[in-house]
C-alpha atoms as a PDB file:
ATOM      1  CA  MET A   1     -79.376 165.141 111.862  1.00  0.00           C
ATOM      2  CA  SER A   2     -82.436 167.013 111.207  1.00  0.00           C
ATOM      3  CA  THR A   3     -84.984 165.367 108.362  1.00  0.00           C
ATOM      4  CA  LEU A   4     -86.281 168.851 107.302  1.00  0.00           C
ATOM      5  CA  LYS A   5     -85.443 170.115 104.119  1.00  0.00           C
ATOM      6  CA  PRO A   6     -83.449 173.455 104.613  1.00  0.00           C
ATOM      7  CA  LEU A   7     -85.447 176.800 103.968  1.00  0.00           C
ATOM      8  CA  ARG A   8     -83.665 179.148 101.813  1.00  0.00           C
ATOM      9  CA  LEU A   9     -83.388 182.432 102.822  1.00  0.00           C
ATOM     10  CA  ASP A  10     -82.037 185.134 100.528  1.00  0.00           C
ATOM     11  CA  ILE A  11     -81.244 188.471 102.498  1.00  0.00           C
ATOM     12  CA  VAL A  12     -81.078 191.026  99.619  1.00  0.00           C
ATOM     13  CA  SER A  13     -79.433 194.420 101.399  1.00  0.00           C
ATOM     14  CA  ASP A  14     -76.097 196.775 100.455  1.00  0.00           C
ATOM     15  CA  VAL A  15     -73.297 197.224 102.713  1.00  0.00           C
ATOM     16  CA  VAL A  16     -73.584 200.755 102.920  1.00  0.00           C
ATOM     17  CA  CYS A  17     -77.363 200.552 104.337  1.00  0.00           C
ATOM     18  CA  PRO A  18     -77.343 200.832 107.914  1.00  0.00           C
ATOM     19  CA  TRP A  19     -80.714 199.492 108.274  1.00  0.00           C
ATOM     20  CA  CYS A  20     -79.019 196.378 106.675  1.00  0.00           C
ATOM     21  CA  TYR A  21     -76.156 196.232 109.027  1.00  0.00           C
ATOM     22  CA  ILE A  22     -78.793 196.099 112.149  1.00  0.00           C
ATOM     23  CA  GLY A  23     -80.605 193.450 110.135  1.00  0.00           C
ATOM     24  CA  LYS A  24     -77.806 191.226 109.655  1.00  0.00           C
ATOM     25  CA  HIS A  25     -77.756 191.233 113.023  1.00  0.00           C
ATOM     26  CA  ARG A  26     -81.072 190.669 113.915  1.00  0.00           C
ATOM     27  CA  ILE A  27     -81.604 187.801 111.484  1.00  0.00           C
ATOM     28  CA  GLU A  28     -78.441 186.145 112.787  1.00  0.00           C
ATOM     29  CA  ASP A  29     -80.485 186.491 116.335  1.00  0.00           C
ATOM     30  CA  ALA A  30     -83.114 184.787 115.143  1.00  0.00           C
ATOM     31  CA  LEU A  31     -81.489 181.562 113.106  1.00  0.00           C
ATOM     32  CA  LYS A  32     -80.300 181.562 116.636  1.00  0.00           C
ATOM     33  CA  LEU A  33     -83.523 180.962 118.552  1.00  0.00           C
ATOM     34  CA  VAL A  34     -84.701 178.763 116.273  1.00  0.00           C
ATOM     35  CA  PRO A  35     -81.805 176.436 116.025  1.00  0.00           C
ATOM     36  CA  ASP A  36     -83.623 173.221 115.079  1.00  0.00           C
ATOM     37  CA  VAL A  37     -84.517 174.623 111.488  1.00  0.00           C
ATOM     38  CA  PRO A  38     -82.303 174.117 108.969  1.00  0.00           C
ATOM     39  CA  VAL A  39     -81.791 177.520 106.681  1.00  0.00           C
ATOM     40  CA  GLU A  40     -79.611 177.722 103.850  1.00  0.00           C
ATOM     41  CA  VAL A  41     -78.612 181.838 103.678  1.00  0.00           C
ATOM     42  CA  HIS A  42     -77.674 183.546 100.706  1.00  0.00           C
ATOM     43  CA  TRP A  43     -76.461 187.088 100.978  1.00  0.00           C
ATOM     44  CA  ARG A  44     -78.036 188.450  97.719  1.00  0.00           C
ATOM     45  CA  PRO A  45     -76.853 192.720  96.021  1.00  0.00           C
ATOM     46  CA  PHE A  46     -78.954 195.380  96.171  1.00  0.00           C
ATOM     47  CA  PHE A  47     -77.965 199.099  95.276  1.00  0.00           C
ATOM     48  CA  LEU A  48     -78.809 201.090  97.523  1.00  0.00           C
ATOM     49  CA  ASN A  49     -76.783 204.544  95.803  1.00  0.00           C
ATOM     50  CA  ASN A  50     -76.663 203.109  92.289  1.00  0.00           C
ATOM     51  CA  TRP A  51     -75.874 206.703  90.841  1.00  0.00           C
ATOM     52  CA  VAL A  52     -72.861 207.011  92.757  1.00  0.00           C
ATOM     53  CA  PRO A  53     -69.901 206.252  90.543  1.00  0.00           C
ATOM     54  CA  ARG A  54     -67.672 203.454  90.576  1.00  0.00           C
ATOM     55  CA  GLU A  55     -64.939 205.421  91.876  1.00  0.00           C
ATOM     56  CA  GLY A  56     -66.940 206.933  94.757  1.00  0.00           C
ATOM     57  CA  ILE A  57     -68.026 210.371  95.987  1.00  0.00           C
ATOM     58  CA  SER A  58     -67.156 212.730  98.975  1.00  0.00           C
ATOM     59  CA  ARG A  59     -69.455 211.877 101.527  1.00  0.00           C
ATOM     60  CA  GLU A  60     -70.181 215.545 102.011  1.00  0.00           C
ATOM     61  CA  GLU A  61     -71.498 215.671  98.462  1.00  0.00           C
ATOM     62  CA  TYR A  62     -73.958 212.553  99.003  1.00  0.00           C
ATOM     63  CA  LEU A  63     -75.526 213.817 101.567  1.00  0.00           C
ATOM     64  CA  THR A  64     -76.012 216.512 100.166  1.00  0.00           C
ATOM     65  CA  ALA A  65     -77.398 214.856  97.007  1.00  0.00           C
ATOM     66  CA  LYS A  66     -79.827 212.510  99.041  1.00  0.00           C
ATOM     67  CA  PHE A  67     -80.277 214.597 102.092  1.00  0.00           C
ATOM     68  CA  GLY A  68     -80.447 218.331 101.219  1.00  0.00           C
ATOM     69  CA  SER A  69     -77.757 218.855 103.338  1.00  0.00           C
ATOM     70  CA  VAL A  70     -75.149 217.191 105.711  1.00  0.00           C
ATOM     71  CA  ASP A  71     -76.954 219.269 108.573  1.00  0.00           C
ATOM     72  CA  ALA A  72     -80.348 217.004 107.230  1.00  0.00           C
ATOM     73  CA  TYR A  73     -79.110 214.021 107.623  1.00  0.00           C
ATOM     74  CA  LYS A  74     -77.801 214.460 111.562  1.00  0.00           C
ATOM     75  CA  GLY A  75     -81.425 214.300 112.616  1.00  0.00           C
ATOM     76  CA  ILE A  76     -81.735 210.478 110.824  1.00  0.00           C
ATOM     77  CA  ALA A  77     -78.315 209.638 111.456  1.00  0.00           C
ATOM     78  CA  GLY A  78     -79.004 210.030 115.576  1.00  0.00           C
ATOM     79  CA  ARG A  79     -82.032 207.415 115.038  1.00  0.00           C
ATOM     80  CA  VAL A  80     -79.950 204.892 113.774  1.00  0.00           C
ATOM     81  CA  VAL A  81     -76.798 205.350 115.501  1.00  0.00           C
ATOM     82  CA  ALA A  82     -79.418 204.398 118.512  1.00  0.00           C
ATOM     83  CA  ALA A  83     -81.082 201.355 116.709  1.00  0.00           C
ATOM     84  CA  ALA A  84     -76.939 200.186 116.408  1.00  0.00           C
ATOM     85  CA  ASN A  85     -76.428 201.022 119.722  1.00  0.00           C
ATOM     86  CA  GLU A  86     -79.341 198.692 120.997  1.00  0.00           C
ATOM     87  CA  GLU A  87     -78.411 196.022 118.950  1.00  0.00           C
ATOM     88  CA  GLY A  88     -74.066 195.954 120.583  1.00  0.00           C
ATOM     89  CA  LEU A  89     -72.872 197.183 117.256  1.00  0.00           C
ATOM     90  CA  SER A  90     -71.084 200.862 116.292  1.00  0.00           C
ATOM     91  CA  TYR A  91     -72.264 203.236 113.875  1.00  0.00           C
ATOM     92  CA  ARG A  92     -69.978 206.386 113.721  1.00  0.00           C
ATOM     93  CA  PRO A  93     -70.926 208.173 110.741  1.00  0.00           C
ATOM     94  CA  GLU A  94     -68.506 211.108 111.285  1.00  0.00           C
ATOM     95  CA  LEU A  95     -66.282 209.141 110.584  1.00  0.00           C
ATOM     96  CA  VAL A  96     -66.995 208.101 107.179  1.00  0.00           C
ATOM     97  CA  LYS A  97     -65.846 210.580 103.987  1.00  0.00           C
ATOM     98  CA  ARG A  98     -65.953 208.325 101.063  1.00  0.00           C
ATOM     99  CA  GLN A  99     -69.163 207.408  99.705  1.00  0.00           C
ATOM    100  CA  PRO A 100     -68.417 204.153  97.741  1.00  0.00           C
ATOM    101  CA  ASN A 101     -69.975 202.520  94.768  1.00  0.00           C
ATOM    102  CA  THR A 102     -70.732 198.945  96.319  1.00  0.00           C
ATOM    103  CA  ILE A 103     -70.244 196.614  93.520  1.00  0.00           C
ATOM    104  CA  ASP A 104     -66.606 195.436  94.334  1.00  0.00           C
ATOM    105  CA  CYS A 105     -68.040 195.052  97.810  1.00  0.00           C
ATOM    106  CA  HIS A 106     -70.878 192.425  96.351  1.00  0.00           C
ATOM    107  CA  ARG A 107     -68.059 190.932  94.264  1.00  0.00           C
ATOM    108  CA  LEU A 108     -66.041 190.040  97.496  1.00  0.00           C
ATOM    109  CA  ILE A 109     -69.022 188.616  99.004  1.00  0.00           C
ATOM    110  CA  HIS A 110     -69.989 186.755  95.978  1.00  0.00           C
ATOM    111  CA  TRP A 111     -66.397 185.303  95.821  1.00  0.00           C
ATOM    112  CA  ALA A 112     -66.392 184.793  99.619  1.00  0.00           C
ATOM    113  CA  GLU A 113     -69.856 182.570  99.043  1.00  0.00           C
ATOM    114  CA  ALA A 114     -67.780 180.072  97.490  1.00  0.00           C
ATOM    115  CA  GLU A 115     -65.901 179.484 100.103  1.00  0.00           C
ATOM    116  CA  GLY A 116     -68.236 179.490 102.592  1.00  0.00           C
ATOM    117  CA  LYS A 117     -67.531 182.749 103.880  1.00  0.00           C
ATOM    118  CA  ALA A 118     -69.921 185.541 102.660  1.00  0.00           C
ATOM    119  CA  ALA A 119     -70.990 186.075 106.352  1.00  0.00           C
ATOM    120  CA  GLU A 120     -68.092 187.205 107.186  1.00  0.00           C
ATOM    121  CA  MET A 121     -67.502 189.050 104.241  1.00  0.00           C
ATOM    122  CA  LYS A 122     -70.600 191.279 104.747  1.00  0.00           C
ATOM    123  CA  GLN A 123     -69.600 191.646 108.524  1.00  0.00           C
ATOM    124  CA  ARG A 124     -66.386 192.260 107.932  1.00  0.00           C
ATOM    125  CA  LEU A 125     -66.894 194.934 104.979  1.00  0.00           C
ATOM    126  CA  MET A 126     -70.232 196.831 107.353  1.00  0.00           C
ATOM    127  CA  GLU A 127     -67.299 197.559 110.198  1.00  0.00           C
ATOM    128  CA  LEU A 128     -65.241 198.720 108.405  1.00  0.00           C
ATOM    129  CA  TYR A 129     -68.046 201.024 106.966  1.00  0.00           C
ATOM    130  CA  PHE A 130     -69.699 201.816 110.075  1.00  0.00           C
ATOM    131  CA  ARG A 131     -67.947 201.837 112.822  1.00  0.00           C
ATOM    132  CA  ASP A 132     -64.608 202.477 111.736  1.00  0.00           C
ATOM    133  CA  GLY A 133     -65.256 204.843 108.611  1.00  0.00           C
ATOM    134  CA  GLY A 134     -63.367 202.884 106.081  1.00  0.00           C
ATOM    135  CA  ASP A 135     -63.043 204.076 102.451  1.00  0.00           C
ATOM    136  CA  LEU A 136     -64.287 200.719 100.335  1.00  0.00           C
ATOM    137  CA  THR A 137     -63.772 202.633  97.419  1.00  0.00           C
ATOM    138  CA  ASP A 138     -59.881 201.942  98.157  1.00  0.00           C
ATOM    139  CA  SER A 139     -58.710 198.836  96.375  1.00  0.00           C
ATOM    140  CA  ASN A 140     -56.158 197.977  99.517  1.00  0.00           C
ATOM    141  CA  VAL A 141     -58.862 198.630 101.693  1.00  0.00           C
ATOM    142  CA  LEU A 142     -61.017 195.617  99.837  1.00  0.00           C
ATOM    143  CA  VAL A 143     -57.737 193.485  99.994  1.00  0.00           C
ATOM    144  CA  GLN A 144     -57.118 193.517 103.483  1.00  0.00           C
ATOM    145  CA  ALA A 145     -60.610 192.423 104.268  1.00  0.00           C
ATOM    146  CA  ALA A 146     -60.908 190.084 102.367  1.00  0.00           C
ATOM    147  CA  GLU A 147     -57.802 188.682 103.931  1.00  0.00           C
ATOM    148  CA  ASP A 148     -58.783 189.187 106.990  1.00  0.00           C
ATOM    149  CA  VAL A 149     -61.670 186.634 106.741  1.00  0.00           C
ATOM    150  CA  GLY A 150     -59.513 183.859 105.135  1.00  0.00           C
ATOM    151  CA  LEU A 151     -59.538 184.699 101.463  1.00  0.00           C
ATOM    152  CA  ASP A 152     -56.499 184.916  99.038  1.00  0.00           C
ATOM    153  CA  ALA A 153     -54.894 188.660  98.712  1.00  0.00           C
ATOM    154  CA  ASP A 154     -53.129 188.452  96.136  1.00  0.00           C
ATOM    155  CA  ASP A 155     -56.100 186.487  93.811  1.00  0.00           C
ATOM    156  CA  VAL A 156     -58.471 189.165  95.140  1.00  0.00           C
ATOM    157  CA  ARG A 157     -56.388 192.094  93.684  1.00  0.00           C
ATOM    158  CA  ARG A 158     -55.738 190.104  90.443  1.00  0.00           C
ATOM    159  CA  ARG A 159     -59.798 189.785  90.313  1.00  0.00           C
ATOM    160  CA  LEU A 160     -60.673 193.049  91.232  1.00  0.00           C
ATOM    161  CA  ALA A 161     -58.519 194.888  88.590  1.00  0.00           C
ATOM    162  CA  THR A 162     -60.825 193.120  86.189  1.00  0.00           C
ATOM    163  CA  ASP A 163     -64.895 192.962  85.245  1.00  0.00           C
ATOM    164  CA  GLU A 164     -65.105 189.798  86.290  1.00  0.00           C
ATOM    165  CA  ASP A 165     -68.625 188.936  87.892  1.00  0.00           C
ATOM    166  CA  VAL A 166     -69.717 192.834  87.567  1.00  0.00           C
ATOM    167  CA  ALA A 167     -72.370 191.905  85.210  1.00  0.00           C
ATOM    168  CA  LEU A 168     -73.321 189.029  87.064  1.00  0.00           C
ATOM    169  CA  VAL A 169     -73.301 191.093  90.193  1.00  0.00           C
ATOM    170  CA  SER A 170     -75.625 193.958  88.466  1.00  0.00           C
ATOM    171  CA  ALA A 171     -78.040 190.932  86.967  1.00  0.00           C
ATOM    172  CA  GLN A 172     -78.795 189.993  90.503  1.00  0.00           C
ATOM    173  CA  ALA A 173     -79.029 193.589  92.295  1.00  0.00           C
ATOM    174  CA  GLN A 174     -81.491 193.851  88.862  1.00  0.00           C
ATOM    175  CA  GLU A 175     -83.610 190.752  89.513  1.00  0.00           C
ATOM    176  CA  ALA A 176     -84.182 192.403  93.144  1.00  0.00           C
ATOM    177  CA  ALA A 177     -85.897 195.253  91.540  1.00  0.00           C
ATOM    178  CA  ASP A 178     -87.747 193.750  88.997  1.00  0.00           C
ATOM    179  CA  LYS A 179     -88.917 192.257  91.756  1.00  0.00           C
ATOM    180  CA  GLY A 180     -90.363 195.311  93.092  1.00  0.00           C
ATOM    181  CA  ILE A 181     -87.749 195.075  95.798  1.00  0.00           C
ATOM    182  CA  SER A 182     -86.782 198.494  96.438  1.00  0.00           C
ATOM    183  CA  GLY A 183     -86.353 198.384 100.377  1.00  0.00           C
ATOM    184  CA  VAL A 184     -83.175 197.039 101.994  1.00  0.00           C
ATOM    185  CA  PRO A 185     -83.211 194.310 104.019  1.00  0.00           C
ATOM    186  CA  THR A 186     -85.813 192.275 102.213  1.00  0.00           C
ATOM    187  CA  PHE A 187     -86.072 188.760 103.826  1.00  0.00           C
ATOM    188  CA  VAL A 188     -87.100 186.630 101.152  1.00  0.00           C
ATOM    189  CA  PHE A 189     -88.053 182.839 102.409  1.00  0.00           C
ATOM    190  CA  ALA A 190     -88.417 179.814 100.302  1.00  0.00           C
ATOM    191  CA  GLN A 191     -88.897 182.454  97.596  1.00  0.00           C
ATOM    192  CA  LYS A 192     -91.649 183.323  97.986  1.00  0.00           C
ATOM    193  CA  TYR A 193     -92.567 185.037 101.117  1.00  0.00           C
ATOM    194  CA  ALA A 194     -90.593 188.487 101.537  1.00  0.00           C
ATOM    195  CA  VAL A 195     -90.329 190.297 104.684  1.00  0.00           C
ATOM    196  CA  SER A 196     -89.225 194.002 104.051  1.00  0.00           C
ATOM    197  CA  GLY A 197     -86.818 195.959 106.899  1.00  0.00           C
ATOM    198  CA  ALA A 198     -84.856 195.111 110.033  1.00  0.00           C
ATOM    199  CA  GLN A 199     -87.563 192.999 111.946  1.00  0.00           C
ATOM    200  CA  PRO A 200     -86.760 192.403 115.533  1.00  0.00           C
ATOM    201  CA  ALA A 201     -85.217 188.743 115.692  1.00  0.00           C
ATOM    202  CA  GLU A 202     -88.341 187.079 117.177  1.00  0.00           C
ATOM    203  CA  GLN A 203     -90.362 188.040 114.182  1.00  0.00           C
ATOM    204  CA  LEU A 204     -87.685 186.742 111.919  1.00  0.00           C
ATOM    205  CA  ALA A 205     -87.513 184.058 114.056  1.00  0.00           C
ATOM    206  CA  ARG A 206     -91.681 183.293 113.381  1.00  0.00           C
ATOM    207  CA  ALA A 207     -91.219 183.567 110.127  1.00  0.00           C
ATOM    208  CA  ILE A 208     -88.202 181.192 109.999  1.00  0.00           C
ATOM    209  CA  ARG A 209     -90.206 178.567 111.551  1.00  0.00           C
ATOM    210  CA  GLY A 210     -93.449 178.699 109.710  1.00  0.00           C
ATOM    211  CA  VAL A 211     -92.383 178.822 106.539  1.00  0.00           C
ATOM    212  CA  SER A 212     -89.887 176.157 107.066  1.00  0.00           C
ATOM    213  CA  ALA A 213     -93.379 174.122 108.864  1.00  0.00           C
ATOM    214  CA  GLU A 214     -95.050 174.916 105.238  1.00  0.00           C
ATOM    215  CA  ILE A 215     -92.267 173.789 102.852  1.00  0.00           C
ATOM    216  CA  ASN A 216     -92.083 170.559 104.800  1.00  0.00           C
ATOM    217  CA  ALA A 217     -95.412 169.699 104.866  1.00  0.00           C
ATOM    218  CA  GLU A 218     -95.937 170.592 101.142  1.00  0.00           C
ATOM    219  CA  ALA A 219     -93.021 168.223 101.086  1.00  0.00           C
ATOM    220  CA  ALA A 220     -94.608 165.506 103.010  1.00  0.00           C
ATOM    221  CA  GLU A 221     -97.742 165.179 100.772  1.00  0.00           C
END
């Protein structure tokens, strides 16, 4: 049993951010490299595209608005697809037909956290979007995703139809922006050190070990 004080790790990211998809895999690899360090992971919301309406928009409209044209994104997508493949992940941008507003996705992750399943919920939503081209604006898709990770489908459907935790999730995302987080993923260690970007697992593991050592040295003083 470890006597170390657990390291709090807040991961600020969005489910439609491809580097967040890659970053999630890398931080999980990093945690495997430091099995002796206790870490408490908290998934925090971020709105990569807060201008997208709640009902979402077509992928073509989104890419045109953000990158100038669908073709302009293809070069960028190629690099991200290659990076995902290197991690054993599948990103198939040609399958994505609808760009969602992700507040409902973040609500699901928040509700899943209460059952210790936030990481699984995040992973399922990302797989649906990046690998399968799933429509995350469709409540039926979201309910099925929740059920896939063990949440109660009827309960989730009822809650999604309300504004439950919309304000809470929005406030958490705003808090990250207020702290200067503009690029995701951002990994915040012990609420004092931040590392931005999908850094290699080895680098993240060094940060985990270093900050853990620091907070435990402070606790021993």
